[in-house]
Structures are given as C-alpha cells and as structure tokens.
C-alpha cells in the first residue's frame, strides 16, 4: 500500500520512464503479495519494502516490541530482506527507529502543553533510561533535551 500511495502522489511528476518503472514495480509487488512472499532479490521492491516498514514503524514508535524483527514479521519478509531494503537507501532499520523516536521526543519538548520530564520522555519513547535519551539526543541535536527545551522556550518568549 505504501508503494501504491507513493505512486499515486507522484504520478503527475513522473516522466514516461518513471511511470513505466513505477508500473513494473507495482506489478511485482502485487505478485509478491499474491504469493504471500516478497522476492528480496528484486531490487525494484527495496524502496517499497523500506517505505512500508517505515510507515509501520511510525505507527508503533511507542511500542516496546518495535524492532526490525517485528517489522519483518508484520510485513511477511525475512529480517535480512528488510535490512537489505534499508541498506539500499543507505540506512539501517534500527537507526531509522531511533531517529524517529528522537524526533518525536524533540517535538514533545516543544509542545506548549505540559512538557514531560526527560525520564518520562525516555520511558514513553522506549529508551532504556534518561541517560540513554540524553546521550542520543545530544549526539543527534547537539544539545541535551533540557538545553533544547530551554532554548525553544526562550525563543518563544
């Protein structure tokens, strides 16, 4: 579904070769779904598989069971197939999940209604504890969550 939605949204911007490639990929994806098996040797399916996994992950970011294995199981592919699909885009499943959780934690820090503590953010976004989210946040955003929250509060005032 992620691939067909992507094609629908982008169809007007595609040239003839792009339309043909999207059409071929959609047919291969439909065949894989009908056979209940995605052919992980088909390179045209990698981006569709990665996007489907991202969409699924985005809907389960607070789930403590969210992992590459869980996504692969839900999408009926092997973990290795999922890893290859992400690798084709130059990222890993784990890195994507962590980055999205950090992004959501950052957004929560800037929410005008009742800011969560760092410990609460860590628990909500499935980090082991506050020190883990602080280290990851600082590595990704260059500031600790508290520093980031203070700077956004000061900028609003």
Protein backbone atom coordinates (compact mmCIF):
# COMPACT_ATOMS: atom_id res chain seq x y z
CA UNK A 1 0.00 0.00 0.00
CA UNK A 2 2.85 2.40 0.77
CA UNK A 3 4.23 1.97 -2.73
CA UNK A 4 0.87 2.42 -4.43
CA UNK A 5 0.20 5.54 -2.34
CA UNK A 6 3.62 6.89 -3.27
CA UNK A 7 2.94 6.28 -6.98
CA UNK A 8 -0.46 7.97 -6.71
CA UNK A 9 1.08 11.05 -5.09
CA UNK A 10 3.98 11.28 -7.55
CA UNK A 11 2.41 10.11 -10.84
CA UNK A 12 1.96 13.60 -12.23
CA UNK A 13 5.65 14.38 -11.66
CA UNK A 14 6.99 11.24 -13.34
CA UNK A 15 8.23 11.09 -16.90
CA UNK A 16 7.42 8.16 -19.20
CA UNK A 17 10.34 6.08 -17.91
CA UNK A 18 9.35 6.79 -14.31
CA UNK A 19 5.75 5.80 -14.96
CA UNK A 20 6.93 2.53 -16.55
CA UNK A 21 9.28 1.78 -13.63
CA UNK A 22 6.54 2.54 -11.08
CA UNK A 23 4.10 0.37 -13.04
CA UNK A 24 6.56 -2.56 -13.20
CA UNK A 25 7.38 -2.29 -9.52
CA UNK A 26 3.70 -2.21 -8.58
CA UNK A 27 3.06 -5.34 -10.65
CA UNK A 28 5.99 -7.16 -9.00
CA UNK A 29 4.75 -6.09 -5.58
CA UNK A 30 1.22 -7.31 -6.35
CA UNK A 31 2.63 -10.67 -7.48
CA UNK A 32 4.63 -10.95 -4.26
CA UNK A 33 1.56 -10.18 -2.16
CA UNK A 34 -0.49 -12.74 -4.10
CA UNK A 35 2.20 -15.37 -3.48
CA UNK A 36 2.49 -14.26 0.19
CA UNK A 37 6.20 -13.80 -0.37
CA UNK A 38 8.29 -10.83 -1.36
CA UNK A 39 11.19 -11.67 -3.67
CA UNK A 40 14.06 -9.94 -1.93
CA UNK A 41 16.26 -10.32 -5.00
CA UNK A 42 14.04 -7.89 -6.91
CA UNK A 43 15.80 -4.54 -6.46
CA UNK A 44 12.78 -2.52 -7.52
CA UNK A 45 10.92 -3.69 -4.41
CA UNK A 46 13.53 -2.44 -1.93
CA UNK A 47 12.23 1.13 -1.71
CA UNK A 48 8.61 -0.02 -1.43
CA UNK A 49 9.51 -2.51 1.30
CA UNK A 50 11.54 0.08 3.21
CA UNK A 51 8.70 2.61 2.94
CA UNK A 52 6.14 0.08 4.14
CA UNK A 53 8.39 -0.72 7.10
CA UNK A 54 8.83 2.98 7.88
CA UNK A 55 5.08 3.56 7.77
CA UNK A 56 4.53 0.60 10.10
CA UNK A 57 7.32 1.72 12.43
CA UNK A 58 5.93 5.27 12.56
CA UNK A 59 2.64 3.83 13.81
CA UNK A 60 4.37 1.80 16.55
CA UNK A 61 7.07 4.14 17.86
CA UNK A 62 5.90 3.81 21.47
CA UNK A 63 5.64 0.01 21.25
CA UNK A 64 8.40 -1.64 23.30
CA UNK A 65 8.39 -4.57 20.86
CA UNK A 66 9.22 -2.38 17.84
CA UNK A 67 12.28 -3.82 16.12
CA UNK A 68 13.46 -4.99 12.76
CA UNK A 69 12.28 -8.49 13.62
CA UNK A 70 8.79 -7.26 14.50
CA UNK A 71 8.54 -5.21 11.30
CA UNK A 72 9.76 -8.13 9.18
CA UNK A 73 7.24 -10.44 10.82
CA UNK A 74 4.38 -7.98 10.22
CA UNK A 75 5.42 -7.49 6.58
CA UNK A 76 5.94 -11.23 5.96
CA UNK A 77 9.57 -10.87 4.92
CA UNK A 78 12.81 -12.08 6.44
CA UNK A 79 14.77 -9.78 8.72
CA UNK A 80 17.62 -9.94 6.21
CA UNK A 81 15.31 -8.83 3.37
CA UNK A 82 14.23 -5.86 5.44
CA UNK A 83 17.83 -5.00 6.30
CA UNK A 84 18.78 -5.13 2.61
CA UNK A 85 15.86 -2.86 1.69
CA UNK A 86 17.02 -0.25 4.22
CA UNK A 87 20.66 -0.67 3.20
CA UNK A 88 19.71 0.15 -0.40
CA UNK A 89 18.69 3.58 0.91
CA UNK A 90 21.86 3.89 3.00
CA UNK A 91 20.34 3.41 6.44
CA UNK A 92 19.51 0.71 8.95
CA UNK A 93 16.19 -0.29 10.48
CA UNK A 94 17.48 0.35 14.00
CA UNK A 95 18.86 3.77 13.08
CA UNK A 96 15.55 4.75 11.48
CA UNK A 97 13.56 3.74 14.57
CA UNK A 98 15.96 5.59 16.90
CA UNK A 99 15.96 8.72 14.72
CA UNK A 100 12.14 8.79 14.58
CA UNK A 101 11.84 8.30 18.33
CA UNK A 102 14.31 11.12 18.92
CA UNK A 103 12.37 13.34 16.53
CA UNK A 104 9.12 12.67 18.37
CA UNK A 105 10.82 13.30 21.72
CA UNK A 106 12.12 16.62 20.35
CA UNK A 107 8.62 17.58 19.24
CA UNK A 108 7.27 16.68 22.68
CA UNK A 109 9.84 19.01 24.24
CA UNK A 110 8.50 21.92 22.20
CA UNK A 111 4.82 21.18 22.80
CA UNK A 112 3.14 24.11 24.54
CA UNK A 113 1.06 21.85 26.77
CA UNK A 114 2.76 20.31 29.82
CA UNK A 115 6.29 19.28 28.96
CA UNK A 116 7.32 15.78 30.05
CA UNK A 117 10.44 15.24 32.15
CA UNK A 118 13.46 13.63 30.50
CA UNK A 119 12.73 10.40 32.42
CA UNK A 120 9.14 10.41 31.17
CA UNK A 121 10.30 11.05 27.60
CA UNK A 122 12.76 8.16 27.86
CA UNK A 123 10.06 5.79 29.09
CA UNK A 124 7.47 6.95 26.56
CA UNK A 125 9.80 6.69 23.54
CA UNK A 126 11.32 3.38 24.66
CA UNK A 127 14.81 4.46 25.69
CA UNK A 128 16.38 2.36 28.45
CA UNK A 129 16.62 5.34 30.82
CA UNK A 130 17.16 9.09 30.92
CA UNK A 131 20.92 8.84 30.38
CA UNK A 132 20.39 6.94 27.12
CA UNK A 133 17.99 9.51 25.68
CA UNK A 134 20.21 12.37 26.84
CA UNK A 135 23.28 10.89 25.09
CA UNK A 136 21.36 10.04 21.91
CA UNK A 137 19.61 13.41 21.84
CA UNK A 138 22.85 15.34 22.34
CA UNK A 139 24.61 13.32 19.64
CA UNK A 140 21.77 13.93 17.18
CA UNK A 141 20.79 17.54 18.01
CA UNK A 142 23.98 18.90 19.62
CA UNK A 143 22.21 19.75 22.89
CA UNK A 144 20.67 17.84 25.77
CA UNK A 145 16.88 17.63 25.89
CA UNK A 146 16.81 20.14 28.76
CA UNK A 147 19.04 22.60 26.88
CA UNK A 148 16.90 22.18 23.78
CA UNK A 149 13.66 22.77 25.73
CA UNK A 150 15.11 25.90 27.38
CA UNK A 151 16.27 27.33 24.06
CA UNK A 152 12.89 26.81 22.40
CA UNK A 153 11.07 28.27 25.40
CA UNK A 154 13.35 31.33 25.35
CA UNK A 155 12.84 31.74 21.61
CA UNK A 156 9.05 31.76 22.05
CA UNK A 157 9.14 34.41 24.78
